[in-house]
PDB file of all heavy atoms in Angstrom:
ATOM      1  N   ILE A   1      10.473-194.629-119.600  1.00  0.00           N
ATOM      2  CA  ILE A   1       9.395-193.737-119.150  1.00  0.00           C
ATOM      3  C   ILE A   1       8.404-193.468-120.282  1.00  0.00           C
ATOM      4  O   ILE A   1       7.178-193.486-120.072  1.00  0.00           O
ATOM      5  CB  ILE A   1       9.987-192.423-118.601  1.00  0.00           C
ATOM      6  CG1 ILE A   1      10.686-192.686-117.252  1.00  0.00           C
ATOM      7  CG2 ILE A   1       8.909-191.358-118.444  1.00  0.00           C
ATOM      8  CD1 ILE A   1      11.355-191.479-116.658  1.00  0.00           C
ATOM      9  N   SER A   2       8.901-193.224-121.495  1.00  0.00           N
ATOM     10  CA  SER A   2       8.008-193.015-122.647  1.00  0.00           C
ATOM     11  C   SER A   2       7.131-194.246-122.871  1.00  0.00           C
ATOM     12  O   SER A   2       5.926-194.130-123.123  1.00  0.00           O
ATOM     13  CB  SER A   2       8.825-192.716-123.905  1.00  0.00           C
ATOM     14  OG  SER A   2       9.567-191.533-123.764  1.00  0.00           O
ATOM     15  N   PHE A   3       7.738-195.423-122.774  1.00  0.00           N
ATOM     16  CA  PHE A   3       6.999-196.672-122.965  1.00  0.00           C
ATOM     17  C   PHE A   3       5.927-196.850-121.897  1.00  0.00           C
ATOM     18  O   PHE A   3       4.744-197.096-122.194  1.00  0.00           O
ATOM     19  CB  PHE A   3       7.983-197.847-122.946  1.00  0.00           C
ATOM     20  CG  PHE A   3       7.324-199.202-122.925  1.00  0.00           C
ATOM     21  CD1 PHE A   3       6.826-199.758-124.093  1.00  0.00           C
ATOM     22  CD2 PHE A   3       7.189-199.909-121.745  1.00  0.00           C
ATOM     23  CE1 PHE A   3       6.204-201.002-124.082  1.00  0.00           C
ATOM     24  CE2 PHE A   3       6.576-201.146-121.715  1.00  0.00           C
ATOM     25  CZ  PHE A   3       6.082-201.699-122.893  1.00  0.00           C
ATOM     26  N   LEU A   4       6.305-196.710-120.629  1.00  0.00           N
ATOM     27  CA  LEU A   4       5.376-196.957-119.533  1.00  0.00           C
ATOM     28  C   LEU A   4       4.221-195.954-119.526  1.00  0.00           C
ATOM     29  O   LEU A   4       3.057-196.328-119.312  1.00  0.00           O
ATOM     30  CB  LEU A   4       6.114-196.915-118.194  1.00  0.00           C
ATOM     31  CG  LEU A   4       7.085-198.069-117.930  1.00  0.00           C
ATOM     32  CD1 LEU A   4       7.820-197.868-116.611  1.00  0.00           C
ATOM     33  CD2 LEU A   4       6.357-199.413-117.935  1.00  0.00           C
ATOM     34  N   LEU A   5       4.528-194.674-119.765  1.00  0.00           N
ATOM     35  CA  LEU A   5       3.460-193.677-119.764  1.00  0.00           C
ATOM     36  C   LEU A   5       2.520-193.862-120.951  1.00  0.00           C
ATOM     37  O   LEU A   5       1.313-193.636-120.829  1.00  0.00           O
ATOM     38  CB  LEU A   5       4.057-192.263-119.771  1.00  0.00           C
ATOM     39  CG  LEU A   5       4.740-191.833-118.471  1.00  0.00           C
ATOM     40  CD1 LEU A   5       5.367-190.456-118.628  1.00  0.00           C
ATOM     41  CD2 LEU A   5       3.743-191.818-117.319  1.00  0.00           C
ATOM     42  N   THR A   6       3.050-194.271-122.101  1.00  0.00           N
ATOM     43  CA  THR A   6       2.199-194.550-123.256  1.00  0.00           C
ATOM     44  C   THR A   6       1.233-195.689-122.945  1.00  0.00           C
ATOM     45  O   THR A   6       0.043-195.643-123.288  1.00  0.00           O
ATOM     46  CB  THR A   6       3.046-194.901-124.489  1.00  0.00           C
ATOM     47  OG1 THR A   6       3.878-193.790-124.830  1.00  0.00           O
ATOM     48  CG2 THR A   6       2.165-195.247-125.682  1.00  0.00           C
ATOM     49  N   VAL A   7       1.737-196.722-122.290  1.00  0.00           N
ATOM     50  CA  VAL A   7       0.915-197.896-121.990  1.00  0.00           C
ATOM     51  C   VAL A   7      -0.045-197.617-120.831  1.00  0.00           C
ATOM     52  O   VAL A   7      -1.240-197.901-120.917  1.00  0.00           O
ATOM     53  CB  VAL A   7       1.814-199.109-121.660  1.00  0.00           C
ATOM     54  CG1 VAL A   7       0.982-200.280-121.154  1.00  0.00           C
ATOM     55  CG2 VAL A   7       2.611-199.522-122.890  1.00  0.00           C
ATOM     56  N   LEU A   8       0.456-197.060-119.743  1.00  0.00           N
ATOM     57  CA  LEU A   8      -0.335-196.946-118.519  1.00  0.00           C
ATOM     58  C   LEU A   8      -1.198-195.690-118.462  1.00  0.00           C
ATOM     59  O   LEU A   8      -2.207-195.670-117.761  1.00  0.00           O
ATOM     60  CB  LEU A   8       0.596-196.977-117.301  1.00  0.00           C
ATOM     61  CG  LEU A   8       1.431-198.255-117.154  1.00  0.00           C
ATOM     62  CD1 LEU A   8       2.372-198.131-115.964  1.00  0.00           C
ATOM     63  CD2 LEU A   8       0.539-199.479-117.012  1.00  0.00           C
ATOM     64  N   VAL A   9      -0.810-194.615-119.169  1.00  0.00           N
ATOM     65  CA  VAL A   9      -1.608-193.383-119.158  1.00  0.00           C
ATOM     66  C   VAL A   9      -2.203-193.177-120.549  1.00  0.00           C
ATOM     67  O   VAL A   9      -3.314-193.598-120.821  1.00  0.00           O
ATOM     68  CB  VAL A   9      -0.755-192.177-118.710  1.00  0.00           C
ATOM     69  CG1 VAL A   9      -1.637-190.933-118.577  1.00  0.00           C
ATOM     70  CG2 VAL A   9      -0.079-192.467-117.366  1.00  0.00           C
ATOM     71  N   ASP A  10      -1.468-192.543-121.438  1.00  0.00           N
ATOM     72  CA  ASP A  10      -1.867-192.468-122.845  1.00  0.00           C
ATOM     73  C   ASP A  10      -0.697-191.958-123.675  1.00  0.00           C
ATOM     74  O   ASP A  10       0.339-191.547-123.146  1.00  0.00           O
ATOM     75  CB  ASP A  10      -3.123-191.611-123.065  1.00  0.00           C
ATOM     76  CG  ASP A  10      -2.943-190.154-122.672  1.00  0.00           C
ATOM     77  OD1 ASP A  10      -1.870-189.590-122.956  1.00  0.00           O
ATOM     78  OD2 ASP A  10      -3.868-189.581-122.075  1.00  0.00           O
ATOM     79  N   LEU A  11      -0.895-191.984-124.974  1.00  0.00           N
ATOM     80  CA  LEU A  11       0.178-191.637-125.914  1.00  0.00           C
ATOM     81  C   LEU A  11       0.622-190.191-125.742  1.00  0.00           C
ATOM     82  O   LEU A  11       1.826-189.896-125.786  1.00  0.00           O
ATOM     83  CB  LEU A  11      -0.310-191.875-127.345  1.00  0.00           C
ATOM     84  CG  LEU A  11       0.622-191.440-128.473  1.00  0.00           C
ATOM     85  CD1 LEU A  11       1.898-192.278-128.452  1.00  0.00           C
ATOM     86  CD2 LEU A  11      -0.070-191.557-129.813  1.00  0.00           C
ATOM     87  N   VAL A  12      -0.318-189.275-125.542  1.00  0.00           N
ATOM     88  CA  VAL A  12       0.030-187.856-125.443  1.00  0.00           C
ATOM     89  C   VAL A  12       0.972-187.623-124.273  1.00  0.00           C
ATOM     90  O   VAL A  12       2.008-186.955-124.405  1.00  0.00           O
ATOM     91  CB  VAL A  12      -1.247-187.007-125.285  1.00  0.00           C
ATOM     92  CG1 VAL A  12      -0.887-185.537-125.156  1.00  0.00           C
ATOM     93  CG2 VAL A  12      -2.179-187.223-126.461  1.00  0.00           C
ATOM     94  N   VAL A  13       0.622-188.174-123.118  1.00  0.00           N
ATOM     95  CA  VAL A  13       1.466-188.018-121.936  1.00  0.00           C
ATOM     96  C   VAL A  13       2.823-188.672-122.163  1.00  0.00           C
ATOM     97  O   VAL A  13       3.870-188.109-121.805  1.00  0.00           O
ATOM     98  CB  VAL A  13       0.769-188.618-120.691  1.00  0.00           C
ATOM     99  CG1 VAL A  13       1.700-188.575-119.487  1.00  0.00           C
ATOM    100  CG2 VAL A  13      -0.517-187.873-120.389  1.00  0.00           C
ATOM    101  N   GLY A  14       2.836-189.851-122.781  1.00  0.00           N
ATOM    102  CA  GLY A  14       4.093-190.559-123.026  1.00  0.00           C
ATOM    103  C   GLY A  14       5.041-189.770-123.901  1.00  0.00           C
ATOM    104  O   GLY A  14       6.227-189.634-123.585  1.00  0.00           O
ATOM    105  N   VAL A  15       4.528-189.219-125.009  1.00  0.00           N
ATOM    106  CA  VAL A  15       5.381-188.466-125.933  1.00  0.00           C
ATOM    107  C   VAL A  15       5.844-187.158-125.284  1.00  0.00           C
ATOM    108  O   VAL A  15       7.030-186.815-125.324  1.00  0.00           O
ATOM    109  CB  VAL A  15       4.636-188.183-127.253  1.00  0.00           C
ATOM    110  CG1 VAL A  15       5.453-187.249-128.138  1.00  0.00           C
ATOM    111  CG2 VAL A  15       4.351-189.482-127.983  1.00  0.00           C
ATOM    112  N   ASN A  16       4.908-186.418-124.677  1.00  0.00           N
ATOM    113  CA  ASN A  16       5.272-185.126-124.095  1.00  0.00           C
ATOM    114  C   ASN A  16       6.283-185.293-122.959  1.00  0.00           C
ATOM    115  O   ASN A  16       7.268-184.546-122.868  1.00  0.00           O
ATOM    116  CB  ASN A  16       4.022-184.416-123.574  1.00  0.00           C
ATOM    117  CG  ASN A  16       3.133-183.918-124.693  1.00  0.00           C
ATOM    118  OD1 ASN A  16       3.575-183.809-125.833  1.00  0.00           O
ATOM    119  ND2 ASN A  16       1.893-183.624-124.379  1.00  0.00           N
ATOM    120  N   ALA A  17       6.039-186.264-122.086  1.00  0.00           N
ATOM    121  CA  ALA A  17       6.966-186.485-120.973  1.00  0.00           C
ATOM    122  C   ALA A  17       8.323-186.951-121.488  1.00  0.00           C
ATOM    123  O   ALA A  17       9.373-186.527-120.983  1.00  0.00           O
ATOM    124  CB  ALA A  17       6.385-187.517-120.002  1.00  0.00           C
ATOM    125  N   GLY A  18       8.320-187.812-122.504  1.00  0.00           N
ATOM    126  CA  GLY A  18       9.584-188.294-123.062  1.00  0.00           C
ATOM    127  C   GLY A  18      10.398-187.178-123.673  1.00  0.00           C
ATOM    128  O   GLY A  18      11.612-187.070-123.439  1.00  0.00           O
ATOM    129  N   VAL A  19       9.729-186.327-124.460  1.00  0.00           N
ATOM    130  CA  VAL A  19      10.436-185.207-125.100  1.00  0.00           C
ATOM    131  C   VAL A  19      10.955-184.233-124.046  1.00  0.00           C
ATOM    132  O   VAL A  19      12.101-183.752-124.128  1.00  0.00           O
ATOM    133  CB  VAL A  19       9.509-184.485-126.097  1.00  0.00           C
ATOM    134  CG1 VAL A  19      10.145-183.184-126.584  1.00  0.00           C
ATOM    135  CG2 VAL A  19       9.198-185.387-127.279  1.00  0.00           C
ATOM    136  N   LEU A  20      10.127-183.918-123.040  1.00  0.00           N
ATOM    137  CA  LEU A  20      10.546-182.988-121.991  1.00  0.00           C
ATOM    138  C   LEU A  20      11.733-183.546-121.207  1.00  0.00           C
ATOM    139  O   LEU A  20      12.713-182.832-120.955  1.00  0.00           O
ATOM    140  CB  LEU A  20       9.380-182.714-121.043  1.00  0.00           C
ATOM    141  CG  LEU A  20       9.665-181.766-119.869  1.00  0.00           C
ATOM    142  CD1 LEU A  20      10.085-180.395-120.377  1.00  0.00           C
ATOM    143  CD2 LEU A  20       8.442-181.653-118.965  1.00  0.00           C
ATOM    144  N   LEU A  21      11.661-184.819-120.840  1.00  0.00           N
ATOM    145  CA  LEU A  21      12.761-185.428-120.098  1.00  0.00           C
ATOM    146  C   LEU A  21      14.031-185.471-120.939  1.00  0.00           C
ATOM    147  O   LEU A  21      15.130-185.173-120.445  1.00  0.00           O
ATOM    148  CB  LEU A  21      12.364-186.839-119.658  1.00  0.00           C
ATOM    149  CG  LEU A  21      13.386-187.603-118.812  1.00  0.00           C
ATOM    150  CD1 LEU A  21      13.727-186.828-117.543  1.00  0.00           C
ATOM    151  CD2 LEU A  21      12.852-188.988-118.467  1.00  0.00           C
ATOM    152  N   ALA A  22      13.891-185.824-122.226  1.00  0.00           N
ATOM    153  CA  ALA A  22      15.056-185.861-123.108  1.00  0.00           C
ATOM    154  C   ALA A  22      15.670-184.468-123.250  1.00  0.00           C
ATOM    155  O   ALA A  22      16.900-184.316-123.287  1.00  0.00           O
ATOM    156  CB  ALA A  22      14.660-186.410-124.478  1.00  0.00           C
ATOM    157  N   MET A  23      14.829-183.437-123.320  1.00  0.00           N
ATOM    158  CA  MET A  23      15.324-182.061-123.435  1.00  0.00           C
ATOM    159  C   MET A  23      16.106-181.661-122.182  1.00  0.00           C
ATOM    160  O   MET A  23      17.189-181.070-122.272  1.00  0.00           O
ATOM    161  CB  MET A  23      14.162-181.112-123.659  1.00  0.00           C
ATOM    162  CG  MET A  23      14.565-179.653-123.811  1.00  0.00           C
ATOM    163  SD  MET A  23      13.148-178.560-123.983  1.00  0.00           S
ATOM    164  CE  MET A  23      12.455-178.653-122.326  1.00  0.00           C
ATOM    165  N   LEU A  24      15.554-182.002-121.004  1.00  0.00           N
ATOM    166  CA  LEU A  24      16.233-181.659-119.762  1.00  0.00           C
ATOM    167  C   LEU A  24      17.575-182.383-119.641  1.00  0.00           C
ATOM    168  O   LEU A  24      18.578-181.794-119.205  1.00  0.00           O
ATOM    169  CB  LEU A  24      15.345-181.999-118.574  1.00  0.00           C
ATOM    170  CG  LEU A  24      14.062-181.155-118.428  1.00  0.00           C
ATOM    171  CD1 LEU A  24      13.213-181.675-117.287  1.00  0.00           C
ATOM    172  CD2 LEU A  24      14.409-179.685-118.229  1.00  0.00           C
ATOM    173  N   LEU A  25      17.603-183.632-120.047  1.00  0.00           N
ATOM    174  CA  LEU A  25      18.863-184.388-120.000  1.00  0.00           C
ATOM    175  C   LEU A  25      19.877-183.814-120.986  1.00  0.00           C
ATOM    176  O   LEU A  25      21.081-183.761-120.696  1.00  0.00           O
ATOM    177  CB  LEU A  25      18.598-185.860-120.309  1.00  0.00           C
ATOM    178  CG  LEU A  25      17.852-186.639-119.215  1.00  0.00           C
ATOM    179  CD1 LEU A  25      17.445-188.014-119.723  1.00  0.00           C
ATOM    180  CD2 LEU A  25      18.727-186.770-117.970  1.00  0.00           C
ATOM    181  N   PHE A  26      19.376-183.374-122.144  1.00  0.00           N
ATOM    182  CA  PHE A  26      20.274-182.760-123.128  1.00  0.00           C
ATOM    183  C   PHE A  26      20.871-181.464-122.579  1.00  0.00           C
ATOM    184  O   PHE A  26      22.074-181.206-122.720  1.00  0.00           O
ATOM    185  CB  PHE A  26      19.518-182.483-124.422  1.00  0.00           C
ATOM    186  CG  PHE A  26      20.304-181.687-125.427  1.00  0.00           C
ATOM    187  CD1 PHE A  26      21.324-182.281-126.156  1.00  0.00           C
ATOM    188  CD2 PHE A  26      20.043-180.344-125.630  1.00  0.00           C
ATOM    189  CE1 PHE A  26      22.061-181.542-127.072  1.00  0.00           C
ATOM    190  CE2 PHE A  26      20.768-179.599-126.540  1.00  0.00           C
ATOM    191  CZ  PHE A  26      21.779-180.209-127.262  1.00  0.00           C
ATOM    192  N   LEU A  27      20.037-180.651-121.943  1.00  0.00           N
ATOM    193  CA  LEU A  27      20.538-179.405-121.367  1.00  0.00           C
ATOM    194  C   LEU A  27      21.565-179.691-120.274  1.00  0.00           C
ATOM    195  O   LEU A  27      22.568-178.971-120.142  1.00  0.00           O
ATOM    196  CB  LEU A  27      19.380-178.589-120.804  1.00  0.00           C
ATOM    197  CG  LEU A  27      18.394-178.019-121.833  1.00  0.00           C
ATOM    198  CD1 LEU A  27      17.227-177.338-121.136  1.00  0.00           C
ATOM    199  CD2 LEU A  27      19.097-177.047-122.769  1.00  0.00           C
ATOM    200  N   LYS A  28      21.316-180.714-119.483  1.00  0.00           N
ATOM    201  CA  LYS A  28      22.272-181.086-118.442  1.00  0.00           C
ATOM    202  C   LYS A  28      23.611-181.482-119.068  1.00  0.00           C
ATOM    203  O   LYS A  28      24.678-181.073-118.612  1.00  0.00           O
ATOM    204  CB  LYS A  28      21.708-182.241-117.611  1.00  0.00           C
ATOM    205  CG  LYS A  28      22.628-182.708-116.486  1.00  0.00           C
ATOM    206  CD  LYS A  28      21.943-183.791-115.670  1.00  0.00           C
ATOM    207  CE  LYS A  28      22.866-184.275-114.534  1.00  0.00           C
ATOM    208  NZ  LYS A  28      24.047-184.981-115.022  1.00  0.00           N
ATOM    209  N   ARG A  29      23.532-182.282-120.133  1.00  0.00           N
ATOM    210  CA  ARG A  29      24.772-182.700-120.799  1.00  0.00           C
ATOM    211  C   ARG A  29      25.486-181.507-121.412  1.00  0.00           C
ATOM    212  O   ARG A  29      26.713-181.404-121.371  1.00  0.00           O
ATOM    213  CB  ARG A  29      24.458-183.730-121.892  1.00  0.00           C
ATOM    214  CG  ARG A  29      24.017-185.087-121.342  1.00  0.00           C
ATOM    215  CD  ARG A  29      23.447-185.936-122.453  1.00  0.00           C
ATOM    216  NE  ARG A  29      23.084-187.264-121.989  1.00  0.00           N
ATOM    217  CZ  ARG A  29      22.303-188.090-122.667  1.00  0.00           C
ATOM    218  NH1 ARG A  29      21.778-187.710-123.831  1.00  0.00           N
ATOM    219  NH2 ARG A  29      22.025-189.283-122.191  1.00  0.00           N
ATOM    220  N   MET A  30      24.712-180.596-121.997  1.00  0.00           N
ATOM    221  CA  MET A  30      25.315-179.406-122.595  1.00  0.00           C
ATOM    222  C   MET A  30      25.991-178.548-121.542  1.00  0.00           C
ATOM    223  O   MET A  30      27.094-178.021-121.748  1.00  0.00           O
ATOM    224  CB  MET A  30      24.259-178.602-123.336  1.00  0.00           C
ATOM    225  CG  MET A  30      23.788-179.220-124.633  1.00  0.00           C
ATOM    226  SD  MET A  30      25.060-179.185-125.913  1.00  0.00           S
ATOM    227  CE  MET A  30      25.109-177.446-126.268  1.00  0.00           C
ATOM    228  N   SER A  31      25.330-178.390-120.393  1.00  0.00           N
ATOM    229  CA  SER A  31      25.927-177.569-119.336  1.00  0.00           C
ATOM    230  C   SER A  31      27.207-178.218-118.807  1.00  0.00           C
ATOM    231  O   SER A  31      28.161-177.522-118.453  1.00  0.00           O
ATOM    232  CB  SER A  31      24.932-177.356-118.205  1.00  0.00           C
ATOM    233  OG  SER A  31      24.647-178.574-117.532  1.00  0.00           O
ATOM    234  N   GLU A  32      27.219-179.548-118.757  1.00  0.00           N
ATOM    235  CA  GLU A  32      28.419-180.238-118.289  1.00  0.00           C
ATOM    236  C   GLU A  32      29.559-180.151-119.294  1.00  0.00           C
ATOM    237  O   GLU A  32      30.730-180.326-118.932  1.00  0.00           O
ATOM    238  CB  GLU A  32      28.087-181.706-118.007  1.00  0.00           C
ATOM    239  CG  GLU A  32      27.190-181.886-116.780  1.00  0.00           C
ATOM    240  CD  GLU A  32      26.710-183.318-116.613  1.00  0.00           C
ATOM    241  OE1 GLU A  32      26.902-184.114-117.567  1.00  0.00           O
ATOM    242  OE2 GLU A  32      26.150-183.638-115.550  1.00  0.00           O
ATOM    243  N   SER A  33      29.209-179.887-120.557  1.00  0.00           N
ATOM    244  CA  SER A  33      30.257-179.773-121.577  1.00  0.00           C
ATOM    245  C   SER A  33      30.945-178.408-121.546  1.00  0.00           C
ATOM    246  O   SER A  33      31.996-178.227-122.162  1.00  0.00           O
ATOM    247  CB  SER A  33      29.664-180.009-122.973  1.00  0.00           C
ATOM    248  OG  SER A  33      28.845-178.919-123.366  1.00  0.00           O
ATOM    249  N   VAL A  34      30.344-177.442-120.836  1.00  0.00           N
ATOM    250  CA  VAL A  34      30.947-176.110-120.737  1.00  0.00           C
ATOM    251  C   VAL A  34      32.081-176.160-119.713  1.00  0.00           C
ATOM    252  O   VAL A  34      31.893-176.635-118.594  1.00  0.00           O
ATOM    253  CB  VAL A  34      29.893-175.064-120.318  1.00  0.00           C
ATOM    254  CG1 VAL A  34      30.547-173.693-120.148  1.00  0.00           C
ATOM    255  CG2 VAL A  34      28.774-175.005-121.345  1.00  0.00           C
ATOM    256  N   ASP A  35      33.231-175.681-120.111  1.00  0.00           N
ATOM    257  CA  ASP A  35      34.411-175.716-119.237  1.00  0.00           C
ATOM    258  C   ASP A  35      34.925-174.297-119.019  1.00  0.00           C
ATOM    259  O   ASP A  35      35.131-173.549-119.973  1.00  0.00           O
ATOM    260  CB  ASP A  35      35.501-176.591-119.866  1.00  0.00           C
ATOM    261  CG  ASP A  35      36.726-176.684-118.973  1.00  0.00           C
ATOM    262  OD1 ASP A  35      36.565-176.998-117.785  1.00  0.00           O
ATOM    263  OD2 ASP A  35      37.844-176.440-119.473  1.00  0.00           O
ATOM    264  N   VAL A  36      35.066-173.929-117.759  1.00  0.00           N
ATOM    265  CA  VAL A  36      35.676-172.642-117.398  1.00  0.00           C
ATOM    266  C   VAL A  36      36.973-172.966-116.668  1.00  0.00           C
ATOM    267  O   VAL A  36      36.962-173.519-115.571  1.00  0.00           O
ATOM    268  CB  VAL A  36      34.744-171.809-116.496  1.00  0.00           C
ATOM    269  CG1 VAL A  36      35.409-170.481-116.152  1.00  0.00           C
ATOM    270  CG2 VAL A  36      33.396-171.583-117.180  1.00  0.00           C
ATOM    271  N   SER A  37      38.083-172.656-117.284  1.00  0.00           N
ATOM    272  CA  SER A  37      39.377-173.062-116.727  1.00  0.00           C
ATOM    273  C   SER A  37      40.351-171.894-116.695  1.00  0.00           C
ATOM    274  O   SER A  37      40.318-171.001-117.551  1.00  0.00           O
ATOM    275  CB  SER A  37      39.974-174.204-117.557  1.00  0.00           C
ATOM    276  OG  SER A  37      40.134-173.810-118.905  1.00  0.00           O
ATOM    277  N   ALA A  38      41.222-171.914-115.686  1.00  0.00           N
ATOM    278  CA  ALA A  38      42.270-170.901-115.570  1.00  0.00           C
ATOM    279  C   ALA A  38      43.400-171.236-116.534  1.00  0.00           C
ATOM    280  O   ALA A  38      43.803-172.391-116.665  1.00  0.00           O
ATOM    281  CB  ALA A  38      42.788-170.863-114.146  1.00  0.00           C
ATOM    282  N   ASN A  39      43.886-170.224-117.238  1.00  0.00           N
ATOM    283  CA  ASN A  39      45.024-170.403-118.146  1.00  0.00           C
ATOM    284  C   ASN A  39      46.323-170.258-117.362  1.00  0.00           C
ATOM    285  O   ASN A  39      46.542-169.252-116.668  1.00  0.00           O
ATOM    286  CB  ASN A  39      44.985-169.363-119.260  1.00  0.00           C
ATOM    287  CG  ASN A  39      43.908-169.650-120.299  1.00  0.00           C
ATOM    288  OD1 ASN A  39      43.745-168.925-121.252  1.00  0.00           O
ATOM    289  ND2 ASN A  39      43.131-170.712-120.112  1.00  0.00           N
ATOM    290  N   THR A  40      47.168-171.258-117.477  1.00  0.00           N
ATOM    291  CA  THR A  40      48.504-171.180-116.870  1.00  0.00           C
ATOM    292  C   THR A  40      49.483-170.653-117.896  1.00  0.00           C
ATOM    293  O   THR A  40      49.131-170.413-119.061  1.00  0.00           O
ATOM    294  CB  THR A  40      48.932-172.570-116.381  1.00  0.00           C
ATOM    295  OG1 THR A  40      49.061-173.440-117.510  1.00  0.00           O
ATOM    296  CG2 THR A  40      47.905-173.158-115.411  1.00  0.00           C
ATOM    297  N   ALA A  41      50.711-170.506-117.469  1.00  0.00           N
ATOM    298  CA  ALA A  41      51.760-170.027-118.388  1.00  0.00           C
ATOM    299  C   ALA A  41      51.927-170.964-119.571  1.00  0.00           C
ATOM    300  O   ALA A  41      52.233-170.540-120.687  1.00  0.00           O
ATOM    301  CB  ALA A  41      53.078-169.888-117.630  1.00  0.00           C
ATOM    302  N   ASP A  42      51.648-172.267-119.341  1.00  0.00           N
ATOM    303  CA  ASP A  42      51.801-173.241-120.429  1.00  0.00           C
ATOM    304  C   ASP A  42      50.727-173.079-121.491  1.00  0.00           C
ATOM    305  O   ASP A  42      50.890-173.554-122.630  1.00  0.00           O
ATOM    306  CB  ASP A  42      51.742-174.666-119.864  1.00  0.00           C
ATOM    307  CG  ASP A  42      52.933-174.959-118.948  1.00  0.00           C
ATOM    308  OD1 ASP A  42      53.969-174.291-119.109  1.00  0.00           O
ATOM    309  OD2 ASP A  42      52.792-175.847-118.087  1.00  0.00           O
ATOM    310  N   ASP A  43      49.593-172.451-121.142  1.00  0.00           N
ATOM    311  CA  ASP A  43      48.502-172.281-122.103  1.00  0.00           C
ATOM    312  C   ASP A  43      48.693-171.059-122.989  1.00  0.00           C
ATOM    313  O   ASP A  43      47.920-170.866-123.935  1.00  0.00           O
ATOM    314  CB  ASP A  43      47.164-172.133-121.348  1.00  0.00           C
ATOM    315  CG  ASP A  43      46.847-173.359-120.515  1.00  0.00           C
ATOM    316  OD1 ASP A  43      47.110-174.485-121.003  1.00  0.00           O
ATOM    317  OD2 ASP A  43      46.350-173.203-119.382  1.00  0.00           O
TER     318      ASP A  43
END
């Protein structure tokens, strides 16, 4: 996406969209890394 937007639109759009998309994907990964689990007697 960064490559295509840089080529087809312009550099500003390519960089901004790439950074924004990367940030959103990072937040998604971070949220998926959060675990809420019930403790059993073994824990």
